[in-house]
Amino acid sequence: MLGLAISIACKALVMFPSYKNSQQTNVLTLMSDPYASPLRGKSVQLSGRVIGRGDAGYVAGSDLMLQDKTGLLYLHHASRLGPIGNFLFGLRRVQRLIWADVAAVGWFRRGASPWLDLVRLTSSDGTIVKSYHRFWSFVSSGFFLLVAVMLWKFL
C-alpha cells in the first residue's frame, strides 16, 4: 500500500507538471508535436470557442469541445467534488459556456485521440471554471498512504 501511494504521487508529478510557465499555442501545433504522449502532460494555453459538450447529447456532461482556427480539442474537466460535482457542473454551468470565446490552461495529451486536462477555463464574460486533476491524484495517493499506515499500525 505504501508503494502504491508513493507511485501514485510520483505519477501525478509526471502527468501534471507545473502549469505556471505554460505556452500559448494552437491545436495544429500541439497535434504536430511528435513527443506528445498520454502520460507526460505538456502545459499549454489555448484560445478559442467552446462549440459543445465533449459527449454530444449528454445533458449532464462536464467535458467540452474547444475549437480554434486550426482544429478541435476535447477539454476534460474534473470537479473538486468528484463525479457528483462533474454532474452538477454539466447540468448547471456548461450550457452557458457553449459558443463562448474562452482561454484554456491545462495539460495536453495525445493518445488514441487528443485532449486537454483542464486547470482553468476563462470565458470572455469573466466566468472562470477550475478543474482539479492533480488534486484527485494526490487525494488517492493520500488515501492509500492512510491505508498503509492503518495496516502497519493494526497488524
C-alpha atoms as a PDB file:
ATOM      1  CA  MET A   1       0.000   0.000   0.000  1.00  0.00           C
ATOM      2  CA  LEU A   2       2.848   2.374   0.806  1.00  0.00           C
ATOM      3  CA  GLY A   3       4.458   1.637  -2.553  1.00  0.00           C
ATOM      4  CA  LEU A   4       1.161   2.283  -4.305  1.00  0.00           C
ATOM      5  CA  ALA A   5       0.729   5.628  -2.520  1.00  0.00           C
ATOM      6  CA  ILE A   6       4.239   6.736  -3.450  1.00  0.00           C
ATOM      7  CA  SER A   7       3.872   5.591  -7.058  1.00  0.00           C
ATOM      8  CA  ILE A   8       0.550   7.447  -7.499  1.00  0.00           C
ATOM      9  CA  ALA A   9       2.129  10.639  -6.120  1.00  0.00           C
ATOM     10  CA  CYS A  10       5.147  10.272  -8.433  1.00  0.00           C
ATOM     11  CA  LYS A  11       2.884   9.573 -11.400  1.00  0.00           C
ATOM     12  CA  ALA A  12       0.874  12.719 -10.599  1.00  0.00           C
ATOM     13  CA  LEU A  13       4.052  14.809 -10.589  1.00  0.00           C
ATOM     14  CA  VAL A  14       4.974  13.455 -14.035  1.00  0.00           C
ATOM     15  CA  MET A  15       1.480  13.665 -15.518  1.00  0.00           C
ATOM     16  CA  PHE A  16       0.678  17.111 -14.137  1.00  0.00           C
ATOM     17  CA  PRO A  17       3.838  19.271 -14.125  1.00  0.00           C
ATOM     18  CA  SER A  18       3.711  22.935 -13.137  1.00  0.00           C
ATOM     19  CA  TYR A  19       1.432  24.958 -15.392  1.00  0.00           C
ATOM     20  CA  LYS A  20       2.830  28.336 -14.325  1.00  0.00           C
ATOM     21  CA  ASN A  21       5.048  28.612 -17.439  1.00  0.00           C
ATOM     22  CA  SER A  22       2.565  27.269 -19.970  1.00  0.00           C
ATOM     23  CA  GLN A  23       2.968  28.446 -23.560  1.00  0.00           C
ATOM     24  CA  GLN A  24       0.281  29.982 -25.768  1.00  0.00           C
ATOM     25  CA  THR A  25      -0.224  27.659 -28.727  1.00  0.00           C
ATOM     26  CA  ASN A  26      -2.873  26.219 -31.066  1.00  0.00           C
ATOM     27  CA  VAL A  27      -4.326  22.785 -31.774  1.00  0.00           C
ATOM     28  CA  LEU A  28      -2.379  22.208 -35.011  1.00  0.00           C
ATOM     29  CA  THR A  29       0.959  22.866 -33.308  1.00  0.00           C
ATOM     30  CA  LEU A  30       0.048  20.510 -30.468  1.00  0.00           C
ATOM     31  CA  MET A  31      -1.004  17.768 -32.875  1.00  0.00           C
ATOM     32  CA  SER A  32       2.253  18.192 -34.809  1.00  0.00           C
ATOM     33  CA  ASP A  33       4.379  17.543 -31.724  1.00  0.00           C
ATOM     34  CA  PRO A  34       5.974  14.096 -32.187  1.00  0.00           C
ATOM     35  CA  TYR A  35       6.764  13.878 -28.457  1.00  0.00           C
ATOM     36  CA  ALA A  36       3.178  14.326 -27.211  1.00  0.00           C
ATOM     37  CA  SER A  37       2.071  11.347 -25.135  1.00  0.00           C
ATOM     38  CA  PRO A  38      -0.843  10.229 -22.972  1.00  0.00           C
ATOM     39  CA  LEU A  39       1.404  10.062 -19.878  1.00  0.00           C
ATOM     40  CA  ARG A  40       3.578  13.172 -19.814  1.00  0.00           C
ATOM     41  CA  GLY A  41       1.355  16.238 -19.975  1.00  0.00           C
ATOM     42  CA  LYS A  42       2.533  19.380 -21.723  1.00  0.00           C
ATOM     43  CA  SER A  43       1.259  22.521 -20.043  1.00  0.00           C
ATOM     44  CA  VAL A  44      -0.295  24.868 -22.604  1.00  0.00           C
ATOM     45  CA  GLN A  45      -2.663  27.803 -23.064  1.00  0.00           C
ATOM     46  CA  LEU A  46      -5.259  27.757 -25.825  1.00  0.00           C
ATOM     47  CA  SER A  47      -7.739  30.340 -27.028  1.00  0.00           C
ATOM     48  CA  GLY A  48     -10.856  29.520 -28.980  1.00  0.00           C
ATOM     49  CA  ARG A  49     -14.562  28.928 -28.766  1.00  0.00           C
ATOM     50  CA  VAL A  50     -16.461  26.226 -26.894  1.00  0.00           C
ATOM     51  CA  ILE A  51     -18.662  24.619 -29.546  1.00  0.00           C
ATOM     52  CA  GLY A  52     -20.385  21.982 -27.442  1.00  0.00           C
ATOM     53  CA  ARG A  53     -20.084  19.210 -24.930  1.00  0.00           C
ATOM     54  CA  GLY A  54     -17.438  16.538 -25.163  1.00  0.00           C
ATOM     55  CA  ASP A  55     -20.110  13.826 -25.129  1.00  0.00           C
ATOM     56  CA  ALA A  56     -22.686  15.058 -27.624  1.00  0.00           C
ATOM     57  CA  GLY A  57     -26.252  14.715 -26.396  1.00  0.00           C
ATOM     58  CA  TYR A  58     -25.405  14.049 -22.740  1.00  0.00           C
ATOM     59  CA  VAL A  59     -27.086  16.977 -20.945  1.00  0.00           C
ATOM     60  CA  ALA A  60     -25.062  16.452 -17.752  1.00  0.00           C
ATOM     61  CA  GLY A  61     -21.698  16.088 -19.491  1.00  0.00           C
ATOM     62  CA  SER A  62     -18.972  18.218 -17.916  1.00  0.00           C
ATOM     63  CA  ASP A  63     -16.412  17.898 -20.719  1.00  0.00           C
ATOM     64  CA  LEU A  64     -16.265  20.420 -23.549  1.00  0.00           C
ATOM     65  CA  MET A  65     -15.090  20.756 -27.155  1.00  0.00           C
ATOM     66  CA  LEU A  66     -12.845  23.713 -27.966  1.00  0.00           C
ATOM     67  CA  GLN A  67     -12.379  24.980 -31.497  1.00  0.00           C
ATOM     68  CA  ASP A  68      -9.635  27.359 -32.526  1.00  0.00           C
ATOM     69  CA  LYS A  69      -8.615  28.447 -36.037  1.00  0.00           C
ATOM     70  CA  THR A  70      -6.627  25.250 -36.574  1.00  0.00           C
ATOM     71  CA  GLY A  71      -8.748  22.443 -35.121  1.00  0.00           C
ATOM     72  CA  LEU A  72     -10.856  20.869 -32.375  1.00  0.00           C
ATOM     73  CA  LEU A  73      -9.759  19.646 -28.968  1.00  0.00           C
ATOM     74  CA  TYR A  74     -11.583  17.778 -26.195  1.00  0.00           C
ATOM     75  CA  LEU A  75     -11.395  19.568 -22.815  1.00  0.00           C
ATOM     76  CA  HIS A  76     -11.551  17.204 -19.839  1.00  0.00           C
ATOM     77  CA  HIS A  77     -12.940  18.702 -16.610  1.00  0.00           C
ATOM     78  CA  ALA A  78     -12.584  17.242 -13.092  1.00  0.00           C
ATOM     79  CA  SER A  79     -14.592  18.799 -10.279  1.00  0.00           C
ATOM     80  CA  ARG A  80     -13.243  19.076  -6.762  1.00  0.00           C
ATOM     81  CA  LEU A  81     -16.398  17.248  -5.625  1.00  0.00           C
ATOM     82  CA  GLY A  82     -15.709  14.259  -7.881  1.00  0.00           C
ATOM     83  CA  PRO A  83     -18.411  12.664 -10.047  1.00  0.00           C
ATOM     84  CA  ILE A  84     -21.232  14.485  -8.246  1.00  0.00           C
ATOM     85  CA  GLY A  85     -19.533  17.822  -8.903  1.00  0.00           C
ATOM     86  CA  ASN A  86     -18.997  16.889 -12.566  1.00  0.00           C
ATOM     87  CA  PHE A  87     -22.690  16.030 -12.888  1.00  0.00           C
ATOM     88  CA  LEU A  88     -23.808  19.312 -11.290  1.00  0.00           C
ATOM     89  CA  PHE A  89     -21.336  21.344 -13.367  1.00  0.00           C
ATOM     90  CA  GLY A  90     -22.646  19.676 -16.518  1.00  0.00           C
ATOM     91  CA  LEU A  91     -26.264  20.403 -15.613  1.00  0.00           C
ATOM     92  CA  ARG A  92     -25.870  23.983 -14.387  1.00  0.00           C
ATOM     93  CA  ARG A  93     -22.875  25.698 -15.976  1.00  0.00           C
ATOM     94  CA  VAL A  94     -21.881  24.080 -19.256  1.00  0.00           C
ATOM     95  CA  GLN A  95     -24.805  25.389 -21.317  1.00  0.00           C
ATOM     96  CA  ARG A  96     -23.754  28.999 -20.584  1.00  0.00           C
ATOM     97  CA  LEU A  97     -20.236  28.263 -21.844  1.00  0.00           C
ATOM     98  CA  ILE A  98     -21.290  26.899 -25.222  1.00  0.00           C
ATOM     99  CA  TRP A  99     -20.452  29.361 -28.024  1.00  0.00           C
ATOM    100  CA  ALA A 100     -18.391  31.481 -25.624  1.00  0.00           C
ATOM    101  CA  ASP A 101     -14.886  32.611 -26.505  1.00  0.00           C
ATOM    102  CA  VAL A 102     -12.547  31.150 -23.906  1.00  0.00           C
ATOM    103  CA  ALA A 103      -8.941  30.846 -22.817  1.00  0.00           C
ATOM    104  CA  ALA A 104      -7.986  27.415 -21.505  1.00  0.00           C
ATOM    105  CA  VAL A 105      -4.951  26.397 -19.472  1.00  0.00           C
ATOM    106  CA  GLY A 106      -4.153  22.750 -18.950  1.00  0.00           C
ATOM    107  CA  TRP A 107      -2.084  19.700 -19.834  1.00  0.00           C
ATOM    108  CA  PHE A 108      -2.214  18.479 -23.424  1.00  0.00           C
ATOM    109  CA  ARG A 109      -2.140  14.735 -24.008  1.00  0.00           C
ATOM    110  CA  ARG A 110      -2.345  12.660 -27.147  1.00  0.00           C
ATOM    111  CA  GLY A 111      -3.366   9.043 -27.133  1.00  0.00           C
ATOM    112  CA  ALA A 112      -5.907   7.451 -29.477  1.00  0.00           C
ATOM    113  CA  SER A 113      -7.440  10.930 -29.517  1.00  0.00           C
ATOM    114  CA  PRO A 114      -6.091  14.243 -28.198  1.00  0.00           C
ATOM    115  CA  TRP A 115      -7.405  16.011 -25.102  1.00  0.00           C
ATOM    116  CA  LEU A 116      -6.580  18.749 -22.636  1.00  0.00           C
ATOM    117  CA  ASP A 117      -6.868  18.108 -18.896  1.00  0.00           C
ATOM    118  CA  LEU A 118      -8.114  21.494 -17.753  1.00  0.00           C
ATOM    119  CA  VAL A 119      -6.642  23.589 -14.981  1.00  0.00           C
ATOM    120  CA  ARG A 120      -8.621  26.741 -15.673  1.00  0.00           C
ATOM    121  CA  LEU A 121     -11.081  27.929 -18.310  1.00  0.00           C
ATOM    122  CA  THR A 122     -11.834  31.649 -18.544  1.00  0.00           C
ATOM    123  CA  SER A 123     -14.661  32.886 -20.768  1.00  0.00           C
ATOM    124  CA  SER A 124     -14.919  36.298 -22.407  1.00  0.00           C
ATOM    125  CA  ASP A 125     -17.704  37.302 -19.989  1.00  0.00           C
ATOM    126  CA  GLY A 126     -15.430  36.665 -16.980  1.00  0.00           C
ATOM    127  CA  THR A 127     -16.664  33.214 -15.987  1.00  0.00           C
ATOM    128  CA  ILE A 128     -13.837  31.148 -14.505  1.00  0.00           C
ATOM    129  CA  VAL A 129     -14.004  27.365 -14.293  1.00  0.00           C
ATOM    130  CA  LYS A 130     -11.347  25.482 -12.354  1.00  0.00           C
ATOM    131  CA  SER A 131     -10.535  21.815 -12.701  1.00  0.00           C
ATOM    132  CA  TYR A 132      -8.747  19.565 -10.207  1.00  0.00           C
ATOM    133  CA  HIS A 133      -6.976  16.647 -11.914  1.00  0.00           C
ATOM    134  CA  ARG A 134      -3.809  16.977  -9.832  1.00  0.00           C
ATOM    135  CA  PHE A 135      -5.884  17.297  -6.644  1.00  0.00           C
ATOM    136  CA  TRP A 136      -7.620  13.944  -7.198  1.00  0.00           C
ATOM    137  CA  SER A 137      -4.320  12.182  -7.877  1.00  0.00           C
ATOM    138  CA  PHE A 138      -2.936  13.380  -4.563  1.00  0.00           C
ATOM    139  CA  VAL A 139      -6.178  12.532  -2.739  1.00  0.00           C
ATOM    140  CA  SER A 140      -5.978   8.936  -3.968  1.00  0.00           C
ATOM    141  CA  SER A 141      -2.286   8.805  -3.008  1.00  0.00           C
ATOM    142  CA  GLY A 142      -3.149  10.113   0.460  1.00  0.00           C
ATOM    143  CA  PHE A 143      -5.910   7.521   0.811  1.00  0.00           C
ATOM    144  CA  PHE A 144      -3.529   4.646   0.083  1.00  0.00           C
ATOM    145  CA  LEU A 145      -0.944   6.166   2.404  1.00  0.00           C
ATOM    146  CA  LEU A 146      -3.560   6.253   5.167  1.00  0.00           C
ATOM    147  CA  VAL A 147      -4.498   2.630   4.482  1.00  0.00           C
ATOM    148  CA  ALA A 148      -0.807   1.648   4.616  1.00  0.00           C
ATOM    149  CA  VAL A 149      -0.342   3.405   7.968  1.00  0.00           C
ATOM    150  CA  MET A 150      -3.500   1.810   9.393  1.00  0.00           C
ATOM    151  CA  LEU A 151      -2.432  -1.671   8.225  1.00  0.00           C
ATOM    152  CA  TRP A 152       1.057  -1.192   9.665  1.00  0.00           C
ATOM    153  CA  LYS A 153      -0.313   0.047  12.985  1.00  0.00           C
ATOM    154  CA  PHE A 154      -3.004  -2.587  13.489  1.00  0.00           C
ATOM    155  CA  LEU A 155      -1.296  -5.646  12.047  1.00  0.00           C
END
